[in-house]
């Protein structure tokens, strides 16, 4: 949000990286 991404776009952004998200753990 600080860099200007809209809340509505954030959901899609997270969906696009969902399969890779567990790697950060």
PDBML (XML) file of the C-alpha atoms, coordinates in Angstrom:
<?xml version="1.0" encoding="UTF-8" ?>
<PDBx:datablock datablockName="MODEL"
   xmlns:PDBx="http://pdbml.pdb.org/schema/pdbx-v50.xsd"
   xmlns:xsi="http://www.w3.org/2001/XMLSchema-instance"
   xsi:schemaLocation="http://pdbml.pdb.org/schema/pdbx-v50.xsd pdbx-v50.xsd">
   <PDBx:atom_siteCategory>
      <PDBx:atom_site id="1">
         <PDBx:B_iso_or_equiv>0.00</PDBx:B_iso_or_equiv>
         <PDBx:Cartn_x>0.000</PDBx:Cartn_x>
         <PDBx:Cartn_y>0.000</PDBx:Cartn_y>
         <PDBx:Cartn_z>0.000</PDBx:Cartn_z>
         <PDBx:auth_asym_id>A</PDBx:auth_asym_id>
         <PDBx:auth_atom_id>CA</PDBx:auth_atom_id>
         <PDBx:auth_comp_id>UNK</PDBx:auth_comp_id>
         <PDBx:auth_seq_id>1</PDBx:auth_seq_id>
         <PDBx:group_PDB>ATOM</PDBx:group_PDB>
         <PDBx:label_alt_id xsi:nil="true" />
         <PDBx:label_asym_id>A</PDBx:label_asym_id>
         <PDBx:label_atom_id>CA</PDBx:label_atom_id>
         <PDBx:label_comp_id>UNK</PDBx:label_comp_id>
         <PDBx:label_entity_id>1</PDBx:label_entity_id>
         <PDBx:label_seq_id>1</PDBx:label_seq_id>
         <PDBx:occupancy>1.00</PDBx:occupancy>
         <PDBx:pdbx_PDB_model_num>1</PDBx:pdbx_PDB_model_num>
         <PDBx:type_symbol>C</PDBx:type_symbol>
      </PDBx:atom_site>
      <PDBx:atom_site id="2">
         <PDBx:B_iso_or_equiv>0.00</PDBx:B_iso_or_equiv>
         <PDBx:Cartn_x>2.885</PDBx:Cartn_x>
         <PDBx:Cartn_y>2.369</PDBx:Cartn_y>
         <PDBx:Cartn_z>0.791</PDBx:Cartn_z>
         <PDBx:auth_asym_id>A</PDBx:auth_asym_id>
         <PDBx:auth_atom_id>CA</PDBx:auth_atom_id>
         <PDBx:auth_comp_id>UNK</PDBx:auth_comp_id>
         <PDBx:auth_seq_id>2</PDBx:auth_seq_id>
         <PDBx:group_PDB>ATOM</PDBx:group_PDB>
         <PDBx:label_alt_id xsi:nil="true" />
         <PDBx:label_asym_id>A</PDBx:label_asym_id>
         <PDBx:label_atom_id>CA</PDBx:label_atom_id>
         <PDBx:label_comp_id>UNK</PDBx:label_comp_id>
         <PDBx:label_entity_id>1</PDBx:label_entity_id>
         <PDBx:label_seq_id>2</PDBx:label_seq_id>
         <PDBx:occupancy>1.00</PDBx:occupancy>
         <PDBx:pdbx_PDB_model_num>1</PDBx:pdbx_PDB_model_num>
         <PDBx:type_symbol>C</PDBx:type_symbol>
      </PDBx:atom_site>
      <PDBx:atom_site id="3">
         <PDBx:B_iso_or_equiv>0.00</PDBx:B_iso_or_equiv>
         <PDBx:Cartn_x>4.220</PDBx:Cartn_x>
         <PDBx:Cartn_y>2.031</PDBx:Cartn_y>
         <PDBx:Cartn_z>-2.765</PDBx:Cartn_z>
         <PDBx:auth_asym_id>A</PDBx:auth_asym_id>
         <PDBx:auth_atom_id>CA</PDBx:auth_atom_id>
         <PDBx:auth_comp_id>UNK</PDBx:auth_comp_id>
         <PDBx:auth_seq_id>3</PDBx:auth_seq_id>
         <PDBx:group_PDB>ATOM</PDBx:group_PDB>
         <PDBx:label_alt_id xsi:nil="true" />
         <PDBx:label_asym_id>A</PDBx:label_asym_id>
         <PDBx:label_atom_id>CA</PDBx:label_atom_id>
         <PDBx:label_comp_id>UNK</PDBx:label_comp_id>
         <PDBx:label_entity_id>1</PDBx:label_entity_id>
         <PDBx:label_seq_id>3</PDBx:label_seq_id>
         <PDBx:occupancy>1.00</PDBx:occupancy>
         <PDBx:pdbx_PDB_model_num>1</PDBx:pdbx_PDB_model_num>
         <PDBx:type_symbol>C</PDBx:type_symbol>
      </PDBx:atom_site>
      <PDBx:atom_site id="4">
         <PDBx:B_iso_or_equiv>0.00</PDBx:B_iso_or_equiv>
         <PDBx:Cartn_x>0.810</PDBx:Cartn_x>
         <PDBx:Cartn_y>2.636</PDBx:Cartn_y>
         <PDBx:Cartn_z>-4.325</PDBx:Cartn_z>
         <PDBx:auth_asym_id>A</PDBx:auth_asym_id>
         <PDBx:auth_atom_id>CA</PDBx:auth_atom_id>
         <PDBx:auth_comp_id>UNK</PDBx:auth_comp_id>
         <PDBx:auth_seq_id>4</PDBx:auth_seq_id>
         <PDBx:group_PDB>ATOM</PDBx:group_PDB>
         <PDBx:label_alt_id xsi:nil="true" />
         <PDBx:label_asym_id>A</PDBx:label_asym_id>
         <PDBx:label_atom_id>CA</PDBx:label_atom_id>
         <PDBx:label_comp_id>UNK</PDBx:label_comp_id>
         <PDBx:label_entity_id>1</PDBx:label_entity_id>
         <PDBx:label_seq_id>4</PDBx:label_seq_id>
         <PDBx:occupancy>1.00</PDBx:occupancy>
         <PDBx:pdbx_PDB_model_num>1</PDBx:pdbx_PDB_model_num>
         <PDBx:type_symbol>C</PDBx:type_symbol>
      </PDBx:atom_site>
      <PDBx:atom_site id="5">
         <PDBx:B_iso_or_equiv>0.00</PDBx:B_iso_or_equiv>
         <PDBx:Cartn_x>-0.636</PDBx:Cartn_x>
         <PDBx:Cartn_y>-0.837</PDBx:Cartn_y>
         <PDBx:Cartn_z>-4.895</PDBx:Cartn_z>
         <PDBx:auth_asym_id>A</PDBx:auth_asym_id>
         <PDBx:auth_atom_id>CA</PDBx:auth_atom_id>
         <PDBx:auth_comp_id>UNK</PDBx:auth_comp_id>
         <PDBx:auth_seq_id>5</PDBx:auth_seq_id>
         <PDBx:group_PDB>ATOM</PDBx:group_PDB>
         <PDBx:label_alt_id xsi:nil="true" />
         <PDBx:label_asym_id>A</PDBx:label_asym_id>
         <PDBx:label_atom_id>CA</PDBx:label_atom_id>
         <PDBx:label_comp_id>UNK</PDBx:label_comp_id>
         <PDBx:label_entity_id>1</PDBx:label_entity_id>
         <PDBx:label_seq_id>5</PDBx:label_seq_id>
         <PDBx:occupancy>1.00</PDBx:occupancy>
         <PDBx:pdbx_PDB_model_num>1</PDBx:pdbx_PDB_model_num>
         <PDBx:type_symbol>C</PDBx:type_symbol>
      </PDBx:atom_site>
      <PDBx:atom_site id="6">
         <PDBx:B_iso_or_equiv>0.00</PDBx:B_iso_or_equiv>
         <PDBx:Cartn_x>-4.421</PDBx:Cartn_x>
         <PDBx:Cartn_y>-0.725</PDBx:Cartn_y>
         <PDBx:Cartn_z>-4.472</PDBx:Cartn_z>
         <PDBx:auth_asym_id>A</PDBx:auth_asym_id>
         <PDBx:auth_atom_id>CA</PDBx:auth_atom_id>
         <PDBx:auth_comp_id>UNK</PDBx:auth_comp_id>
         <PDBx:auth_seq_id>6</PDBx:auth_seq_id>
         <PDBx:group_PDB>ATOM</PDBx:group_PDB>
         <PDBx:label_alt_id xsi:nil="true" />
         <PDBx:label_asym_id>A</PDBx:label_asym_id>
         <PDBx:label_atom_id>CA</PDBx:label_atom_id>
         <PDBx:label_comp_id>UNK</PDBx:label_comp_id>
         <PDBx:label_entity_id>1</PDBx:label_entity_id>
         <PDBx:label_seq_id>6</PDBx:label_seq_id>
         <PDBx:occupancy>1.00</PDBx:occupancy>
         <PDBx:pdbx_PDB_model_num>1</PDBx:pdbx_PDB_model_num>
         <PDBx:type_symbol>C</PDBx:type_symbol>
      </PDBx:atom_site>
      <PDBx:atom_site id="7">
         <PDBx:B_iso_or_equiv>0.00</PDBx:B_iso_or_equiv>
         <PDBx:Cartn_x>-6.128</PDBx:Cartn_x>
         <PDBx:Cartn_y>-3.008</PDBx:Cartn_y>
         <PDBx:Cartn_z>-1.927</PDBx:Cartn_z>
         <PDBx:auth_asym_id>A</PDBx:auth_asym_id>
         <PDBx:auth_atom_id>CA</PDBx:auth_atom_id>
         <PDBx:auth_comp_id>UNK</PDBx:auth_comp_id>
         <PDBx:auth_seq_id>7</PDBx:auth_seq_id>
         <PDBx:group_PDB>ATOM</PDBx:group_PDB>
         <PDBx:label_alt_id xsi:nil="true" />
         <PDBx:label_asym_id>A</PDBx:label_asym_id>
         <PDBx:label_atom_id>CA</PDBx:label_atom_id>
         <PDBx:label_comp_id>UNK</PDBx:label_comp_id>
         <PDBx:label_entity_id>1</PDBx:label_entity_id>
         <PDBx:label_seq_id>7</PDBx:label_seq_id>
         <PDBx:occupancy>1.00</PDBx:occupancy>
         <PDBx:pdbx_PDB_model_num>1</PDBx:pdbx_PDB_model_num>
         <PDBx:type_symbol>C</PDBx:type_symbol>
      </PDBx:atom_site>
      <PDBx:atom_site id="8">
         <PDBx:B_iso_or_equiv>0.00</PDBx:B_iso_or_equiv>
         <PDBx:Cartn_x>-8.153</PDBx:Cartn_x>
         <PDBx:Cartn_y>-4.587</PDBx:Cartn_y>
         <PDBx:Cartn_z>-4.744</PDBx:Cartn_z>
         <PDBx:auth_asym_id>A</PDBx:auth_asym_id>
         <PDBx:auth_atom_id>CA</PDBx:auth_atom_id>
         <PDBx:auth_comp_id>UNK</PDBx:auth_comp_id>
         <PDBx:auth_seq_id>8</PDBx:auth_seq_id>
         <PDBx:group_PDB>ATOM</PDBx:group_PDB>
         <PDBx:label_alt_id xsi:nil="true" />
         <PDBx:label_asym_id>A</PDBx:label_asym_id>
         <PDBx:label_atom_id>CA</PDBx:label_atom_id>
         <PDBx:label_comp_id>UNK</PDBx:label_comp_id>
         <PDBx:label_entity_id>1</PDBx:label_entity_id>
         <PDBx:label_seq_id>8</PDBx:label_seq_id>
         <PDBx:occupancy>1.00</PDBx:occupancy>
         <PDBx:pdbx_PDB_model_num>1</PDBx:pdbx_PDB_model_num>
         <PDBx:type_symbol>C</PDBx:type_symbol>
      </PDBx:atom_site>
      <PDBx:atom_site id="9">
         <PDBx:B_iso_or_equiv>0.00</PDBx:B_iso_or_equiv>
         <PDBx:Cartn_x>-4.900</PDBx:Cartn_x>
         <PDBx:Cartn_y>-5.549</PDBx:Cartn_y>
         <PDBx:Cartn_z>-6.539</PDBx:Cartn_z>
         <PDBx:auth_asym_id>A</PDBx:auth_asym_id>
         <PDBx:auth_atom_id>CA</PDBx:auth_atom_id>
         <PDBx:auth_comp_id>UNK</PDBx:auth_comp_id>
         <PDBx:auth_seq_id>9</PDBx:auth_seq_id>
         <PDBx:group_PDB>ATOM</PDBx:group_PDB>
         <PDBx:label_alt_id xsi:nil="true" />
         <PDBx:label_asym_id>A</PDBx:label_asym_id>
         <PDBx:label_atom_id>CA</PDBx:label_atom_id>
         <PDBx:label_comp_id>UNK</PDBx:label_comp_id>
         <PDBx:label_entity_id>1</PDBx:label_entity_id>
         <PDBx:label_seq_id>9</PDBx:label_seq_id>
         <PDBx:occupancy>1.00</PDBx:occupancy>
         <PDBx:pdbx_PDB_model_num>1</PDBx:pdbx_PDB_model_num>
         <PDBx:type_symbol>C</PDBx:type_symbol>
      </PDBx:atom_site>
      <PDBx:atom_site id="10">
         <PDBx:B_iso_or_equiv>0.00</PDBx:B_iso_or_equiv>
         <PDBx:Cartn_x>-3.182</PDBx:Cartn_x>
         <PDBx:Cartn_y>-6.973</PDBx:Cartn_y>
         <PDBx:Cartn_z>-3.467</PDBx:Cartn_z>
         <PDBx:auth_asym_id>A</PDBx:auth_asym_id>
         <PDBx:auth_atom_id>CA</PDBx:auth_atom_id>
         <PDBx:auth_comp_id>UNK</PDBx:auth_comp_id>
         <PDBx:auth_seq_id>10</PDBx:auth_seq_id>
         <PDBx:group_PDB>ATOM</PDBx:group_PDB>
         <PDBx:label_alt_id xsi:nil="true" />
         <PDBx:label_asym_id>A</PDBx:label_asym_id>
         <PDBx:label_atom_id>CA</PDBx:label_atom_id>
         <PDBx:label_comp_id>UNK</PDBx:label_comp_id>
         <PDBx:label_entity_id>1</PDBx:label_entity_id>
         <PDBx:label_seq_id>10</PDBx:label_seq_id>
         <PDBx:occupancy>1.00</PDBx:occupancy>
         <PDBx:pdbx_PDB_model_num>1</PDBx:pdbx_PDB_model_num>
         <PDBx:type_symbol>C</PDBx:type_symbol>
      </PDBx:atom_site>
      <PDBx:atom_site id="11">
         <PDBx:B_iso_or_equiv>0.00</PDBx:B_iso_or_equiv>
         <PDBx:Cartn_x>-5.471</PDBx:Cartn_x>
         <PDBx:Cartn_y>-10.017</PDBx:Cartn_y>
         <PDBx:Cartn_z>-3.341</PDBx:Cartn_z>
         <PDBx:auth_asym_id>A</PDBx:auth_asym_id>
         <PDBx:auth_atom_id>CA</PDBx:auth_atom_id>
         <PDBx:auth_comp_id>UNK</PDBx:auth_comp_id>
         <PDBx:auth_seq_id>11</PDBx:auth_seq_id>
         <PDBx:group_PDB>ATOM</PDBx:group_PDB>
         <PDBx:label_alt_id xsi:nil="true" />
         <PDBx:label_asym_id>A</PDBx:label_asym_id>
         <PDBx:label_atom_id>CA</PDBx:label_atom_id>
         <PDBx:label_comp_id>UNK</PDBx:label_comp_id>
         <PDBx:label_entity_id>1</PDBx:label_entity_id>
         <PDBx:label_seq_id>11</PDBx:label_seq_id>
         <PDBx:occupancy>1.00</PDBx:occupancy>
         <PDBx:pdbx_PDB_model_num>1</PDBx:pdbx_PDB_model_num>
         <PDBx:type_symbol>C</PDBx:type_symbol>
      </PDBx:atom_site>
      <PDBx:atom_site id="12">
         <PDBx:B_iso_or_equiv>0.00</PDBx:B_iso_or_equiv>
         <PDBx:Cartn_x>-4.569</PDBx:Cartn_x>
         <PDBx:Cartn_y>-10.959</PDBx:Cartn_y>
         <PDBx:Cartn_z>-6.927</PDBx:Cartn_z>
         <PDBx:auth_asym_id>A</PDBx:auth_asym_id>
         <PDBx:auth_atom_id>CA</PDBx:auth_atom_id>
         <PDBx:auth_comp_id>UNK</PDBx:auth_comp_id>
         <PDBx:auth_seq_id>12</PDBx:auth_seq_id>
         <PDBx:group_PDB>ATOM</PDBx:group_PDB>
         <PDBx:label_alt_id xsi:nil="true" />
         <PDBx:label_asym_id>A</PDBx:label_asym_id>
         <PDBx:label_atom_id>CA</PDBx:label_atom_id>
         <PDBx:label_comp_id>UNK</PDBx:label_comp_id>
         <PDBx:label_entity_id>1</PDBx:label_entity_id>
         <PDBx:label_seq_id>12</PDBx:label_seq_id>
         <PDBx:occupancy>1.00</PDBx:occupancy>
         <PDBx:pdbx_PDB_model_num>1</PDBx:pdbx_PDB_model_num>
         <PDBx:type_symbol>C</PDBx:type_symbol>
      </PDBx:atom_site>
      <PDBx:atom_site id="13">
         <PDBx:B_iso_or_equiv>0.00</PDBx:B_iso_or_equiv>
         <PDBx:Cartn_x>-0.903</PDBx:Cartn_x>
         <PDBx:Cartn_y>-10.336</PDBx:Cartn_y>
         <PDBx:Cartn_z>-6.218</PDBx:Cartn_z>
         <PDBx:auth_asym_id>A</PDBx:auth_asym_id>
         <PDBx:auth_atom_id>CA</PDBx:auth_atom_id>
         <PDBx:auth_comp_id>UNK</PDBx:auth_comp_id>
         <PDBx:auth_seq_id>13</PDBx:auth_seq_id>
         <PDBx:group_PDB>ATOM</PDBx:group_PDB>
         <PDBx:label_alt_id xsi:nil="true" />
         <PDBx:label_asym_id>A</PDBx:label_asym_id>
         <PDBx:label_atom_id>CA</PDBx:label_atom_id>
         <PDBx:label_comp_id>UNK</PDBx:label_comp_id>
         <PDBx:label_entity_id>1</PDBx:label_entity_id>
         <PDBx:label_seq_id>13</PDBx:label_seq_id>
         <PDBx:occupancy>1.00</PDBx:occupancy>
         <PDBx:pdbx_PDB_model_num>1</PDBx:pdbx_PDB_model_num>
         <PDBx:type_symbol>C</PDBx:type_symbol>
      </PDBx:atom_site>
      <PDBx:atom_site id="14">
         <PDBx:B_iso_or_equiv>0.00</PDBx:B_iso_or_equiv>
         <PDBx:Cartn_x>-0.980</PDBx:Cartn_x>
         <PDBx:Cartn_y>-12.750</PDBx:Cartn_y>
         <PDBx:Cartn_z>-3.280</PDBx:Cartn_z>
         <PDBx:auth_asym_id>A</PDBx:auth_asym_id>
         <PDBx:auth_atom_id>CA</PDBx:auth_atom_id>
         <PDBx:auth_comp_id>UNK</PDBx:auth_comp_id>
         <PDBx:auth_seq_id>14</PDBx:auth_seq_id>
         <PDBx:group_PDB>ATOM</PDBx:group_PDB>
         <PDBx:label_alt_id xsi:nil="true" />
         <PDBx:label_asym_id>A</PDBx:label_asym_id>
         <PDBx:label_atom_id>CA</PDBx:label_atom_id>
         <PDBx:label_comp_id>UNK</PDBx:label_comp_id>
         <PDBx:label_entity_id>1</PDBx:label_entity_id>
         <PDBx:label_seq_id>14</PDBx:label_seq_id>
         <PDBx:occupancy>1.00</PDBx:occupancy>
         <PDBx:pdbx_PDB_model_num>1</PDBx:pdbx_PDB_model_num>
         <PDBx:type_symbol>C</PDBx:type_symbol>
      </PDBx:atom_site>
      <PDBx:atom_site id="15">
         <PDBx:B_iso_or_equiv>0.00</PDBx:B_iso_or_equiv>
         <PDBx:Cartn_x>-2.898</PDBx:Cartn_x>
         <PDBx:Cartn_y>-15.311</PDBx:Cartn_y>
         <PDBx:Cartn_z>-5.354</PDBx:Cartn_z>
         <PDBx:auth_asym_id>A</PDBx:auth_asym_id>
         <PDBx:auth_atom_id>CA</PDBx:auth_atom_id>
         <PDBx:auth_comp_id>UNK</PDBx:auth_comp_id>
         <PDBx:auth_seq_id>15</PDBx:auth_seq_id>
         <PDBx:group_PDB>ATOM</PDBx:group_PDB>
         <PDBx:label_alt_id xsi:nil="true" />
         <PDBx:label_asym_id>A</PDBx:label_asym_id>
         <PDBx:label_atom_id>CA</PDBx:label_atom_id>
         <PDBx:label_comp_id>UNK</PDBx:label_comp_id>
         <PDBx:label_entity_id>1</PDBx:label_entity_id>
         <PDBx:label_seq_id>15</PDBx:label_seq_id>
         <PDBx:occupancy>1.00</PDBx:occupancy>
         <PDBx:pdbx_PDB_model_num>1</PDBx:pdbx_PDB_model_num>
         <PDBx:type_symbol>C</PDBx:type_symbol>
      </PDBx:atom_site>
      <PDBx:atom_site id="16">
         <PDBx:B_iso_or_equiv>0.00</PDBx:B_iso_or_equiv>
         <PDBx:Cartn_x>-0.166</PDBx:Cartn_x>
         <PDBx:Cartn_y>-15.202</PDBx:Cartn_y>
         <PDBx:Cartn_z>-8.005</PDBx:Cartn_z>
         <PDBx:auth_asym_id>A</PDBx:auth_asym_id>
         <PDBx:auth_atom_id>CA</PDBx:auth_atom_id>
         <PDBx:auth_comp_id>UNK</PDBx:auth_comp_id>
         <PDBx:auth_seq_id>16</PDBx:auth_seq_id>
         <PDBx:group_PDB>ATOM</PDBx:group_PDB>
         <PDBx:label_alt_id xsi:nil="true" />
         <PDBx:label_asym_id>A</PDBx:label_asym_id>
         <PDBx:label_atom_id>CA</PDBx:label_atom_id>
         <PDBx:label_comp_id>UNK</PDBx:label_comp_id>
         <PDBx:label_entity_id>1</PDBx:label_entity_id>
         <PDBx:label_seq_id>16</PDBx:label_seq_id>
         <PDBx:occupancy>1.00</PDBx:occupancy>
         <PDBx:pdbx_PDB_model_num>1</PDBx:pdbx_PDB_model_num>
         <PDBx:type_symbol>C</PDBx:type_symbol>
      </PDBx:atom_site>
      <PDBx:atom_site id="17">
         <PDBx:B_iso_or_equiv>0.00</PDBx:B_iso_or_equiv>
         <PDBx:Cartn_x>2.559</PDBx:Cartn_x>
         <PDBx:Cartn_y>-16.069</PDBx:Cartn_y>
         <PDBx:Cartn_z>-5.476</PDBx:Cartn_z>
         <PDBx:auth_asym_id>A</PDBx:auth_asym_id>
         <PDBx:auth_atom_id>CA</PDBx:auth_atom_id>
         <PDBx:auth_comp_id>UNK</PDBx:auth_comp_id>
         <PDBx:auth_seq_id>17</PDBx:auth_seq_id>
         <PDBx:group_PDB>ATOM</PDBx:group_PDB>
         <PDBx:label_alt_id xsi:nil="true" />
         <PDBx:label_asym_id>A</PDBx:label_asym_id>
         <PDBx:label_atom_id>CA</PDBx:label_atom_id>
         <PDBx:label_comp_id>UNK</PDBx:label_comp_id>
         <PDBx:label_entity_id>1</PDBx:label_entity_id>
         <PDBx:label_seq_id>17</PDBx:label_seq_id>
         <PDBx:occupancy>1.00</PDBx:occupancy>
         <PDBx:pdbx_PDB_model_num>1</PDBx:pdbx_PDB_model_num>
         <PDBx:type_symbol>C</PDBx:type_symbol>
      </PDBx:atom_site>
      <PDBx:atom_site id="18">
         <PDBx:B_iso_or_equiv>0.00</PDBx:B_iso_or_equiv>
         <PDBx:Cartn_x>0.496</PDBx:Cartn_x>
         <PDBx:Cartn_y>-18.426</PDBx:Cartn_y>
         <PDBx:Cartn_z>-3.273</PDBx:Cartn_z>
         <PDBx:auth_asym_id>A</PDBx:auth_asym_id>
         <PDBx:auth_atom_id>CA</PDBx:auth_atom_id>
         <PDBx:auth_comp_id>UNK</PDBx:auth_comp_id>
         <PDBx:auth_seq_id>18</PDBx:auth_seq_id>
         <PDBx:group_PDB>ATOM</PDBx:group_PDB>
         <PDBx:label_alt_id xsi:nil="true" />
         <PDBx:label_asym_id>A</PDBx:label_asym_id>
         <PDBx:label_atom_id>CA</PDBx:label_atom_id>
         <PDBx:label_comp_id>UNK</PDBx:label_comp_id>
         <PDBx:label_entity_id>1</PDBx:label_entity_id>
         <PDBx:label_seq_id>18</PDBx:label_seq_id>
         <PDBx:occupancy>1.00</PDBx:occupancy>
         <PDBx:pdbx_PDB_model_num>1</PDBx:pdbx_PDB_model_num>
         <PDBx:type_symbol>C</PDBx:type_symbol>
      </PDBx:atom_site>
      <PDBx:atom_site id="19">
         <PDBx:B_iso_or_equiv>0.00</PDBx:B_iso_or_equiv>
         <PDBx:Cartn_x>2.215</PDBx:Cartn_x>
         <PDBx:Cartn_y>-21.623</PDBx:Cartn_y>
         <PDBx:Cartn_z>-4.451</PDBx:Cartn_z>
         <PDBx:auth_asym_id>A</PDBx:auth_asym_id>
         <PDBx:auth_atom_id>CA</PDBx:auth_atom_id>
         <PDBx:auth_comp_id>UNK</PDBx:auth_comp_id>
         <PDBx:auth_seq_id>19</PDBx:auth_seq_id>
         <PDBx:group_PDB>ATOM</PDBx:group_PDB>
         <PDBx:label_alt_id xsi:nil="true" />
         <PDBx:label_asym_id>A</PDBx:label_asym_id>
         <PDBx:label_atom_id>CA</PDBx:label_atom_id>
         <PDBx:label_comp_id>UNK</PDBx:label_comp_id>
         <PDBx:label_entity_id>1</PDBx:label_entity_id>
         <PDBx:label_seq_id>19</PDBx:label_seq_id>
         <PDBx:occupancy>1.00</PDBx:occupancy>
         <PDBx:pdbx_PDB_model_num>1</PDBx:pdbx_PDB_model_num>
         <PDBx:type_symbol>C</PDBx:type_symbol>
      </PDBx:atom_site>
      <PDBx:atom_site id="20">
         <PDBx:B_iso_or_equiv>0.00</PDBx:B_iso_or_equiv>
         <PDBx:Cartn_x>5.633</PDBx:Cartn_x>
         <PDBx:Cartn_y>-20.090</PDBx:Cartn_y>
         <PDBx:Cartn_z>-3.652</PDBx:Cartn_z>
         <PDBx:auth_asym_id>A</PDBx:auth_asym_id>
         <PDBx:auth_atom_id>CA</PDBx:auth_atom_id>
         <PDBx:auth_comp_id>UNK</PDBx:auth_comp_id>
         <PDBx:auth_seq_id>20</PDBx:auth_seq_id>
         <PDBx:group_PDB>ATOM</PDBx:group_PDB>
         <PDBx:label_alt_id xsi:nil="true" />
         <PDBx:label_asym_id>A</PDBx:label_asym_id>
         <PDBx:label_atom_id>CA</PDBx:label_atom_id>
         <PDBx:label_comp_id>UNK</PDBx:label_comp_id>
         <PDBx:label_entity_id>1</PDBx:label_entity_id>
         <PDBx:label_seq_id>20</PDBx:label_seq_id>
         <PDBx:occupancy>1.00</PDBx:occupancy>
         <PDBx:pdbx_PDB_model_num>1</PDBx:pdbx_PDB_model_num>
         <PDBx:type_symbol>C</PDBx:type_symbol>
      </PDBx:atom_site>
      <PDBx:atom_site id="21">
         <PDBx:B_iso_or_equiv>0.00</PDBx:B_iso_or_equiv>
         <PDBx:Cartn_x>4.619</PDBx:Cartn_x>
         <PDBx:Cartn_y>-18.478</PDBx:Cartn_y>
         <PDBx:Cartn_z>-0.324</PDBx:Cartn_z>
         <PDBx:auth_asym_id>A</PDBx:auth_asym_id>
         <PDBx:auth_atom_id>CA</PDBx:auth_atom_id>
         <PDBx:auth_comp_id>UNK</PDBx:auth_comp_id>
         <PDBx:auth_seq_id>21</PDBx:auth_seq_id>
         <PDBx:group_PDB>ATOM</PDBx:group_PDB>
         <PDBx:label_alt_id xsi:nil="true" />
         <PDBx:label_asym_id>A</PDBx:label_asym_id>
         <PDBx:label_atom_id>CA</PDBx:label_atom_id>
         <PDBx:label_comp_id>UNK</PDBx:label_comp_id>
         <PDBx:label_entity_id>1</PDBx:label_entity_id>
         <PDBx:label_seq_id>21</PDBx:label_seq_id>
         <PDBx:occupancy>1.00</PDBx:occupancy>
         <PDBx:pdbx_PDB_model_num>1</PDBx:pdbx_PDB_model_num>
         <PDBx:type_symbol>C</PDBx:type_symbol>
      </PDBx:atom_site>
      <PDBx:atom_site id="22">
         <PDBx:B_iso_or_equiv>0.00</PDBx:B_iso_or_equiv>
         <PDBx:Cartn_x>5.550</PDBx:Cartn_x>
         <PDBx:Cartn_y>-21.512</PDBx:Cartn_y>
         <PDBx:Cartn_z>1.859</PDBx:Cartn_z>
         <PDBx:auth_asym_id>A</PDBx:auth_asym_id>
         <PDBx:auth_atom_id>CA</PDBx:auth_atom_id>
         <PDBx:auth_comp_id>UNK</PDBx:auth_comp_id>
         <PDBx:auth_seq_id>22</PDBx:auth_seq_id>
         <PDBx:group_PDB>ATOM</PDBx:group_PDB>
         <PDBx:label_alt_id xsi:nil="true" />
         <PDBx:label_asym_id>A</PDBx:label_asym_id>
         <PDBx:label_atom_id>CA</PDBx:label_atom_id>
         <PDBx:label_comp_id>UNK</PDBx:label_comp_id>
         <PDBx:label_entity_id>1</PDBx:label_entity_id>
         <PDBx:label_seq_id>22</PDBx:label_seq_id>
         <PDBx:occupancy>1.00</PDBx:occupancy>
         <PDBx:pdbx_PDB_model_num>1</PDBx:pdbx_PDB_model_num>
         <PDBx:type_symbol>C</PDBx:type_symbol>
      </PDBx:atom_site>
      <PDBx:atom_site id="23">
         <PDBx:B_iso_or_equiv>0.00</PDBx:B_iso_or_equiv>
         <PDBx:Cartn_x>9.186</PDBx:Cartn_x>
         <PDBx:Cartn_y>-21.072</PDBx:Cartn_y>
         <PDBx:Cartn_z>0.742</PDBx:Cartn_z>
         <PDBx:auth_asym_id>A</PDBx:auth_asym_id>
         <PDBx:auth_atom_id>CA</PDBx:auth_atom_id>
         <PDBx:auth_comp_id>UNK</PDBx:auth_comp_id>
         <PDBx:auth_seq_id>23</PDBx:auth_seq_id>
         <PDBx:group_PDB>ATOM</PDBx:group_PDB>
         <PDBx:label_alt_id xsi:nil="true" />
         <PDBx:label_asym_id>A</PDBx:label_asym_id>
         <PDBx:label_atom_id>CA</PDBx:label_atom_id>
         <PDBx:label_comp_id>UNK</PDBx:label_comp_id>
         <PDBx:label_entity_id>1</PDBx:label_entity_id>
         <PDBx:label_seq_id>23</PDBx:label_seq_id>
         <PDBx:occupancy>1.00</PDBx:occupancy>
         <PDBx:pdbx_PDB_model_num>1</PDBx:pdbx_PDB_model_num>
         <PDBx:type_symbol>C</PDBx:type_symbol>
      </PDBx:atom_site>
      <PDBx:atom_site id="24">
         <PDBx:B_iso_or_equiv>0.00</PDBx:B_iso_or_equiv>
         <PDBx:Cartn_x>9.576</PDBx:Cartn_x>
         <PDBx:Cartn_y>-18.068</PDBx:Cartn_y>
         <PDBx:Cartn_z>3.037</PDBx:Cartn_z>
         <PDBx:auth_asym_id>A</PDBx:auth_asym_id>
         <PDBx:auth_atom_id>CA</PDBx:auth_atom_id>
         <PDBx:auth_comp_id>UNK</PDBx:auth_comp_id>
         <PDBx:auth_seq_id>24</PDBx:auth_seq_id>
         <PDBx:group_PDB>ATOM</PDBx:group_PDB>
         <PDBx:label_alt_id xsi:nil="true" />
         <PDBx:label_asym_id>A</PDBx:label_asym_id>
         <PDBx:label_atom_id>CA</PDBx:label_atom_id>
         <PDBx:label_comp_id>UNK</PDBx:label_comp_id>
         <PDBx:label_entity_id>1</PDBx:label_entity_id>
         <PDBx:label_seq_id>24</PDBx:label_seq_id>
         <PDBx:occupancy>1.00</PDBx:occupancy>
         <PDBx:pdbx_PDB_model_num>1</PDBx:pdbx_PDB_model_num>
         <PDBx:type_symbol>C</PDBx:type_symbol>
      </PDBx:atom_site>
      <PDBx:atom_site id="25">
         <PDBx:B_iso_or_equiv>0.00</PDBx:B_iso_or_equiv>
         <PDBx:Cartn_x>9.035</PDBx:Cartn_x>
         <PDBx:Cartn_y>-20.377</PDBx:Cartn_y>
         <PDBx:Cartn_z>6.015</PDBx:Cartn_z>
         <PDBx:auth_asym_id>A</PDBx:auth_asym_id>
         <PDBx:auth_atom_id>CA</PDBx:auth_atom_id>
         <PDBx:auth_comp_id>UNK</PDBx:auth_comp_id>
         <PDBx:auth_seq_id>25</PDBx:auth_seq_id>
         <PDBx:group_PDB>ATOM</PDBx:group_PDB>
         <PDBx:label_alt_id xsi:nil="true" />
         <PDBx:label_asym_id>A</PDBx:label_asym_id>
         <PDBx:label_atom_id>CA</PDBx:label_atom_id>
         <PDBx:label_comp_id>UNK</PDBx:label_comp_id>
         <PDBx:label_entity_id>1</PDBx:label_entity_id>
         <PDBx:label_seq_id>25</PDBx:label_seq_id>
         <PDBx:occupancy>1.00</PDBx:occupancy>
         <PDBx:pdbx_PDB_model_num>1</PDBx:pdbx_PDB_model_num>
         <PDBx:type_symbol>C</PDBx:type_symbol>
      </PDBx:atom_site>
   </PDBx:atom_siteCategory>
</PDBx:datablock>
